[in-house]
PDB file of N, CA and C in Angstrom:
ATOM      1  N   MET A   1     -23.311  -4.731   4.600  1.00  0.00           N
ATOM      2  CA  MET A   1     -23.132  -5.770   3.607  1.00  0.00           C
ATOM      3  C   MET A   1     -21.737  -6.344   3.741  1.00  0.00           C
ATOM      4  N   GLY A   2     -21.645  -7.623   4.128  1.00  0.00           N
ATOM      5  CA  GLY A   2     -20.373  -8.264   4.344  1.00  0.00           C
ATOM      6  C   GLY A   2     -19.947  -9.100   3.122  1.00  0.00           C
ATOM      7  N   PHE A   3     -18.790  -9.719   3.283  1.00  0.00           N
ATOM      8  CA  PHE A   3     -18.294 -10.618   2.255  1.00  0.00           C
ATOM      9  C   PHE A   3     -18.980 -11.933   2.341  1.00  0.00           C
ATOM     10  N   THR A   4     -19.116 -12.589   1.199  1.00  0.00           N
ATOM     11  CA  THR A   4     -19.553 -13.991   1.224  1.00  0.00           C
ATOM     12  C   THR A   4     -18.357 -14.822   1.664  1.00  0.00           C
ATOM     13  N   GLU A   5     -18.588 -16.072   1.976  1.00  0.00           N
ATOM     14  CA  GLU A   5     -17.498 -16.916   2.325  1.00  0.00           C
ATOM     15  C   GLU A   5     -16.461 -17.076   1.195  1.00  0.00           C
ATOM     16  N   LYS A   6     -16.950 -17.136  -0.028  1.00  0.00           N
ATOM     17  CA  LYS A   6     -16.071 -17.223  -1.208  1.00  0.00           C
ATOM     18  C   LYS A   6     -15.219 -15.977  -1.329  1.00  0.00           C
ATOM     19  N   GLN A   7     -15.854 -14.798  -1.142  1.00  0.00           N
ATOM     20  CA  GLN A   7     -15.136 -13.571  -1.256  1.00  0.00           C
ATOM     21  C   GLN A   7     -14.059 -13.445  -0.178  1.00  0.00           C
ATOM     22  N   GLU A   8     -14.458 -13.829   1.018  1.00  0.00           N
ATOM     23  CA  GLU A   8     -13.489 -13.792   2.124  1.00  0.00           C
ATOM     24  C   GLU A   8     -12.307 -14.724   1.850  1.00  0.00           C
ATOM     25  N   ALA A   9     -12.565 -15.903   1.322  1.00  0.00           N
ATOM     26  CA  ALA A   9     -11.505 -16.842   0.974  1.00  0.00           C
ATOM     27  C   ALA A   9     -10.551 -16.265  -0.078  1.00  0.00           C
ATOM     28  N   LEU A  10     -11.158 -15.571  -1.070  1.00  0.00           N
ATOM     29  CA  LEU A  10     -10.352 -14.993  -2.137  1.00  0.00           C
ATOM     30  C   LEU A  10      -9.444 -13.845  -1.585  1.00  0.00           C
ATOM     31  N   VAL A  11      -9.992 -13.079  -0.687  1.00  0.00           N
ATOM     32  CA  VAL A  11      -9.139 -12.009  -0.055  1.00  0.00           C
ATOM     33  C   VAL A  11      -7.996 -12.628   0.717  1.00  0.00           C
ATOM     34  N   LYS A  12      -8.296 -13.665   1.493  1.00  0.00           N
ATOM     35  CA  LYS A  12      -7.241 -14.330   2.281  1.00  0.00           C
ATOM     36  C   LYS A  12      -6.192 -14.976   1.378  1.00  0.00           C
ATOM     37  N   GLU A  13      -6.615 -15.568   0.311  1.00  0.00           N
ATOM     38  CA  GLU A  13      -5.636 -16.169  -0.690  1.00  0.00           C
ATOM     39  C   GLU A  13      -4.783 -15.067  -1.284  1.00  0.00           C
ATOM     40  N   SER A  14      -5.392 -13.968  -1.682  1.00  0.00           N
ATOM     41  CA  SER A  14      -4.683 -12.859  -2.260  1.00  0.00           C
ATOM     42  C   SER A  14      -3.665 -12.291  -1.274  1.00  0.00           C
ATOM     43  N   TRP A  15      -4.080 -12.171  -0.031  1.00  0.00           N
ATOM     44  CA  TRP A  15      -3.176 -11.656   0.938  1.00  0.00           C
ATOM     45  C   TRP A  15      -1.961 -12.543   1.192  1.00  0.00           C
ATOM     46  N   GLU A  16      -2.158 -13.815   1.082  1.00  0.00           N
ATOM     47  CA  GLU A  16      -1.036 -14.793   1.245  1.00  0.00           C
ATOM     48  C   GLU A  16       0.013 -14.532   0.162  1.00  0.00           C
ATOM     49  N   VAL A  17      -0.467 -14.223  -1.045  1.00  0.00           N
ATOM     50  CA  VAL A  17       0.457 -13.910  -2.137  1.00  0.00           C
ATOM     51  C   VAL A  17       1.189 -12.590  -1.824  1.00  0.00           C
ATOM     52  N   LEU A  18       0.471 -11.558  -1.373  1.00  0.00           N
ATOM     53  CA  LEU A  18       1.055 -10.292  -1.090  1.00  0.00           C
ATOM     54  C   LEU A  18       2.093 -10.391   0.051  1.00  0.00           C
ATOM     55  N   LYS A  19       1.842 -11.229   1.004  1.00  0.00           N
ATOM     56  CA  LYS A  19       2.765 -11.318   2.177  1.00  0.00           C
ATOM     57  C   LYS A  19       4.121 -11.840   1.757  1.00  0.00           C
ATOM     58  N   GLN A  20       4.227 -12.432   0.588  1.00  0.00           N
ATOM     59  CA  GLN A  20       5.516 -13.001   0.173  1.00  0.00           C
ATOM     60  C   GLN A  20       6.504 -11.871  -0.149  1.00  0.00           C
ATOM     61  N   ASN A  21       5.987 -10.665  -0.480  1.00  0.00           N
ATOM     62  CA  ASN A  21       6.901  -9.588  -0.844  1.00  0.00           C
ATOM     63  C   ASN A  21       6.324  -8.240  -0.454  1.00  0.00           C
ATOM     64  N   ILE A  22       6.084  -8.087   0.847  1.00  0.00           N
ATOM     65  CA  ILE A  22       5.475  -6.863   1.357  1.00  0.00           C
ATOM     66  C   ILE A  22       6.278  -5.619   1.002  1.00  0.00           C
ATOM     67  N   PRO A  23       7.600  -5.561   1.163  1.00  0.00           N
ATOM     68  CA  PRO A  23       8.291  -4.311   0.839  1.00  0.00           C
ATOM     69  C   PRO A  23       8.038  -3.823  -0.566  1.00  0.00           C
ATOM     70  N   GLU A  24       8.163  -4.669  -1.546  1.00  0.00           N
ATOM     71  CA  GLU A  24       8.018  -4.257  -2.936  1.00  0.00           C
ATOM     72  C   GLU A  24       6.557  -3.974  -3.260  1.00  0.00           C
ATOM     73  N   LEU A  25       5.664  -4.836  -2.837  1.00  0.00           N
ATOM     74  CA  LEU A  25       4.268  -4.687  -3.257  1.00  0.00           C
ATOM     75  C   LEU A  25       3.559  -3.558  -2.529  1.00  0.00           C
ATOM     76  N   SER A  26       3.955  -3.313  -1.260  1.00  0.00           N
ATOM     77  CA  SER A  26       3.354  -2.203  -0.540  1.00  0.00           C
ATOM     78  C   SER A  26       3.741  -0.872  -1.150  1.00  0.00           C
ATOM     79  N   LEU A  27       5.009  -0.776  -1.544  1.00  0.00           N
ATOM     80  CA  LEU A  27       5.464   0.451  -2.214  1.00  0.00           C
ATOM     81  C   LEU A  27       4.784   0.622  -3.547  1.00  0.00           C
ATOM     82  N   ARG A  28       4.597  -0.428  -4.263  1.00  0.00           N
ATOM     83  CA  ARG A  28       3.912  -0.381  -5.578  1.00  0.00           C
ATOM     84  C   ARG A  28       2.481   0.050  -5.375  1.00  0.00           C
ATOM     85  N   PHE A  29       1.818  -0.439  -4.300  1.00  0.00           N
ATOM     86  CA  PHE A  29       0.455  -0.053  -4.019  1.00  0.00           C
ATOM     87  C   PHE A  29       0.319   1.460  -3.815  1.00  0.00           C
ATOM     88  N   PHE A  30       1.223   2.062  -2.973  1.00  0.00           N
ATOM     89  CA  PHE A  30       1.193   3.470  -2.715  1.00  0.00           C
ATOM     90  C   PHE A  30       1.591   4.256  -3.927  1.00  0.00           C
ATOM     91  N   THR A  31       2.503   3.731  -4.733  1.00  0.00           N
ATOM     92  CA  THR A  31       2.924   4.428  -5.954  1.00  0.00           C
ATOM     93  C   THR A  31       1.713   4.532  -6.899  1.00  0.00           C
ATOM     94  N   ILE A  32       0.968   3.488  -7.020  1.00  0.00           N
ATOM     95  CA  ILE A  32      -0.231   3.519  -7.911  1.00  0.00           C
ATOM     96  C   ILE A  32      -1.260   4.520  -7.389  1.00  0.00           C
ATOM     97  N   ILE A  33      -1.464   4.532  -6.098  1.00  0.00           N
ATOM     98  CA  ILE A  33      -2.404   5.518  -5.554  1.00  0.00           C
ATOM     99  C   ILE A  33      -1.963   6.917  -5.896  1.00  0.00           C
ATOM    100  N   LEU A  34      -0.663   7.221  -5.717  1.00  0.00           N
ATOM    101  CA  LEU A  34      -0.163   8.557  -5.978  1.00  0.00           C
ATOM    102  C   LEU A  34      -0.140   8.895  -7.462  1.00  0.00           C
ATOM    103  N   GLU A  35      -0.083   7.916  -8.314  1.00  0.00           N
ATOM    104  CA  GLU A  35      -0.144   8.130  -9.783  1.00  0.00           C
ATOM    105  C   GLU A  35      -1.581   8.486 -10.160  1.00  0.00           C
ATOM    106  N   ILE A  36      -2.526   7.759  -9.539  1.00  0.00           N
ATOM    107  CA  ILE A  36      -3.977   8.000  -9.864  1.00  0.00           C
ATOM    108  C   ILE A  36      -4.444   9.323  -9.214  1.00  0.00           C
ATOM    109  N   ALA A  37      -3.985   9.586  -8.017  1.00  0.00           N
ATOM    110  CA  ALA A  37      -4.450  10.783  -7.277  1.00  0.00           C
ATOM    111  C   ALA A  37      -3.248  11.555  -6.722  1.00  0.00           C
ATOM    112  N   PRO A  38      -2.544  12.321  -7.576  1.00  0.00           N
ATOM    113  CA  PRO A  38      -1.346  13.054  -7.148  1.00  0.00           C
ATOM    114  C   PRO A  38      -1.575  13.965  -5.936  1.00  0.00           C
ATOM    115  N   ALA A  39      -2.793  14.466  -5.830  1.00  0.00           N
ATOM    116  CA  ALA A  39      -3.048  15.324  -4.652  1.00  0.00           C
ATOM    117  C   ALA A  39      -2.950  14.614  -3.333  1.00  0.00           C
ATOM    118  N   ALA A  40      -2.966  13.283  -3.361  1.00  0.00           N
ATOM    119  CA  ALA A  40      -2.867  12.507  -2.142  1.00  0.00           C
ATOM    120  C   ALA A  40      -1.492  12.696  -1.487  1.00  0.00           C
ATOM    121  N   LYS A  41      -0.506  13.180  -2.259  1.00  0.00           N
ATOM    122  CA  LYS A  41       0.816  13.434  -1.699  1.00  0.00           C
ATOM    123  C   LYS A  41       0.719  14.398  -0.543  1.00  0.00           C
ATOM    124  N   ASP A  42      -0.249  15.333  -0.579  1.00  0.00           N
ATOM    125  CA  ASP A  42      -0.371  16.316   0.493  1.00  0.00           C
ATOM    126  C   ASP A  42      -0.737  15.681   1.811  1.00  0.00           C
ATOM    127  N   MET A  43      -1.190  14.451   1.823  1.00  0.00           N
ATOM    128  CA  MET A  43      -1.516  13.737   3.057  1.00  0.00           C
ATOM    129  C   MET A  43      -0.246  13.248   3.774  1.00  0.00           C
ATOM    130  N   PHE A  44       0.853  13.285   3.104  1.00  0.00           N
ATOM    131  CA  PHE A  44       2.087  12.796   3.647  1.00  0.00           C
ATOM    132  C   PHE A  44       3.111  13.948   3.776  1.00  0.00           C
ATOM    133  N   SER A  45       3.446  14.278   5.012  1.00  0.00           N
ATOM    134  CA  SER A  45       4.310  15.410   5.227  1.00  0.00           C
ATOM    135  C   SER A  45       5.648  15.253   4.475  1.00  0.00           C
ATOM    136  N   PHE A  46       6.143  14.028   4.363  1.00  0.00           N
ATOM    137  CA  PHE A  46       7.431  13.777   3.742  1.00  0.00           C
ATOM    138  C   PHE A  46       7.369  13.766   2.226  1.00  0.00           C
ATOM    139  N   LEU A  47       6.157  13.966   1.628  1.00  0.00           N
ATOM    140  CA  LEU A  47       6.017  14.030   0.165  1.00  0.00           C
ATOM    141  C   LEU A  47       5.509  15.383  -0.341  1.00  0.00           C
ATOM    142  N   ARG A  48       5.056  16.230   0.561  1.00  0.00           N
ATOM    143  CA  ARG A  48       4.399  17.481   0.127  1.00  0.00           C
ATOM    144  C   ARG A  48       5.232  18.336  -0.796  1.00  0.00           C
ATOM    145  N   ASP A  49       6.520  18.403  -0.589  1.00  0.00           N
ATOM    146  CA  ASP A  49       7.365  19.303  -1.381  1.00  0.00           C
ATOM    147  C   ASP A  49       7.972  18.644  -2.621  1.00  0.00           C
ATOM    148  N   SER A  50       7.549  17.443  -2.887  1.00  0.00           N
ATOM    149  CA  SER A  50       8.062  16.692  -4.053  1.00  0.00           C
ATOM    150  C   SER A  50       7.143  16.829  -5.239  1.00  0.00           C
ATOM    151  N   GLU A  51       7.702  17.083  -6.364  1.00  0.00           N
ATOM    152  CA  GLU A  51       6.920  17.152  -7.612  1.00  0.00           C
ATOM    153  C   GLU A  51       6.655  15.767  -8.184  1.00  0.00           C
ATOM    154  N   GLU A  52       7.552  14.848  -7.961  1.00  0.00           N
ATOM    155  CA  GLU A  52       7.451  13.509  -8.470  1.00  0.00           C
ATOM    156  C   GLU A  52       6.998  12.540  -7.410  1.00  0.00           C
ATOM    157  N   ILE A  53       6.650  11.314  -7.843  1.00  0.00           N
ATOM    158  CA  ILE A  53       6.352  10.250  -6.874  1.00  0.00           C
ATOM    159  C   ILE A  53       7.704   9.612  -6.555  1.00  0.00           C
ATOM    160  N   PRO A  54       8.209   9.870  -5.342  1.00  0.00           N
ATOM    161  CA  PRO A  54       9.530   9.402  -5.011  1.00  0.00           C
ATOM    162  C   PRO A  54       9.571   7.943  -4.573  1.00  0.00           C
ATOM    163  N   GLN A  55       9.686   7.075  -5.544  1.00  0.00           N
ATOM    164  CA  GLN A  55       9.690   5.636  -5.252  1.00  0.00           C
ATOM    165  C   GLN A  55      10.869   5.205  -4.410  1.00  0.00           C
ATOM    166  N   ASN A  56      11.903   6.001  -4.338  1.00  0.00           N
ATOM    167  CA  ASN A  56      13.058   5.655  -3.542  1.00  0.00           C
ATOM    168  C   ASN A  56      13.073   6.374  -2.190  1.00  0.00           C
ATOM    169  N   ASN A  57      11.989   7.014  -1.868  1.00  0.00           N
ATOM    170  CA  ASN A  57      11.902   7.742  -0.602  1.00  0.00           C
ATOM    171  C   ASN A  57      11.822   6.733   0.565  1.00  0.00           C
ATOM    172  N   PRO A  58      12.822   6.762   1.468  1.00  0.00           N
ATOM    173  CA  PRO A  58      12.801   5.739   2.535  1.00  0.00           C
ATOM    174  C   PRO A  58      11.616   5.902   3.465  1.00  0.00           C
ATOM    175  N   LYS A  59      11.100   7.109   3.650  1.00  0.00           N
ATOM    176  CA  LYS A  59       9.954   7.294   4.495  1.00  0.00           C
ATOM    177  C   LYS A  59       8.687   6.696   3.890  1.00  0.00           C
ATOM    178  N   LEU A  60       8.564   6.847   2.567  1.00  0.00           N
ATOM    179  CA  LEU A  60       7.414   6.236   1.896  1.00  0.00           C
ATOM    180  C   LEU A  60       7.504   4.715   1.954  1.00  0.00           C
ATOM    181  N   LYS A  61       8.690   4.205   1.752  1.00  0.00           N
ATOM    182  CA  LYS A  61       8.855   2.724   1.856  1.00  0.00           C
ATOM    183  C   LYS A  61       8.525   2.230   3.240  1.00  0.00           C
ATOM    184  N   ALA A  62       8.995   2.899   4.251  1.00  0.00           N
ATOM    185  CA  ALA A  62       8.712   2.480   5.654  1.00  0.00           C
ATOM    186  C   ALA A  62       7.202   2.587   5.945  1.00  0.00           C
ATOM    187  N   HIS A  63       6.590   3.674   5.499  1.00  0.00           N
ATOM    188  CA  HIS A  63       5.161   3.855   5.729  1.00  0.00           C
ATOM    189  C   HIS A  63       4.358   2.752   5.026  1.00  0.00           C
ATOM    190  N   ALA A  64       4.702   2.458   3.782  1.00  0.00           N
ATOM    191  CA  ALA A  64       3.967   1.439   3.031  1.00  0.00           C
ATOM    192  C   ALA A  64       4.062   0.073   3.705  1.00  0.00           C
ATOM    193  N   VAL A  65       5.221  -0.286   4.165  1.00  0.00           N
ATOM    194  CA  VAL A  65       5.389  -1.588   4.836  1.00  0.00           C
ATOM    195  C   VAL A  65       4.624  -1.586   6.161  1.00  0.00           C
ATOM    196  N   LYS A  66       4.682  -0.501   6.896  1.00  0.00           N
ATOM    197  CA  LYS A  66       3.934  -0.448   8.174  1.00  0.00           C
ATOM    198  C   LYS A  66       2.445  -0.614   7.945  1.00  0.00           C
ATOM    199  N   VAL A  67       1.892   0.068   6.971  1.00  0.00           N
ATOM    200  CA  VAL A  67       0.459  -0.041   6.688  1.00  0.00           C
ATOM    201  C   VAL A  67       0.083  -1.494   6.296  1.00  0.00           C
ATOM    202  N   PHE A  68       0.870  -2.041   5.400  1.00  0.00           N
ATOM    203  CA  PHE A  68       0.551  -3.425   4.981  1.00  0.00           C
ATOM    204  C   PHE A  68       0.645  -4.402   6.136  1.00  0.00           C
ATOM    205  N   LYS A  69       1.590  -4.251   7.024  1.00  0.00           N
ATOM    206  CA  LYS A  69       1.723  -5.156   8.169  1.00  0.00           C
ATOM    207  C   LYS A  69       0.563  -4.933   9.127  1.00  0.00           C
ATOM    208  N   MET A  70       0.086  -3.698   9.240  1.00  0.00           N
ATOM    209  CA  MET A  70      -1.011  -3.440  10.174  1.00  0.00           C
ATOM    210  C   MET A  70      -2.325  -4.021   9.721  1.00  0.00           C
ATOM    211  N   VAL A  71      -2.549  -4.080   8.394  1.00  0.00           N
ATOM    212  CA  VAL A  71      -3.840  -4.585   7.893  1.00  0.00           C
ATOM    213  C   VAL A  71      -3.831  -6.039   7.469  1.00  0.00           C
ATOM    214  N   ARG A  72      -2.734  -6.708   7.685  1.00  0.00           N
ATOM    215  CA  ARG A  72      -2.646  -8.107   7.240  1.00  0.00           C
ATOM    216  C   ARG A  72      -3.722  -8.945   7.903  1.00  0.00           C
ATOM    217  N   LEU A  73      -4.146  -9.939   7.195  1.00  0.00           N
ATOM    218  CA  LEU A  73      -5.227 -10.831   7.733  1.00  0.00           C
ATOM    219  C   LEU A  73      -4.597 -11.991   8.468  1.00  0.00           C
ATOM    220  N   HIS A  74      -5.288 -12.425   9.453  1.00  0.00           N
ATOM    221  CA  HIS A  74      -4.799 -13.548  10.287  1.00  0.00           C
ATOM    222  C   HIS A  74      -5.547 -14.815   9.882  1.00  0.00           C
TER     223      HIS A  74
END
């Protein structure tokens, strides 16, 4: 089941907005995931020993940006 043309256009429009501030929004995206599913921290070697969601963790910031840049739409 694929996207309709309208859905695809909405995704592309949304991504254009996200691209304007990838560093902040990508970190926010991962922060929300970790707030919803704290056990997901175990998937990240650099977060395993942390009790909190380290929003200032440079490795999390770098990872978030890398993921967003890899999945960006053309």
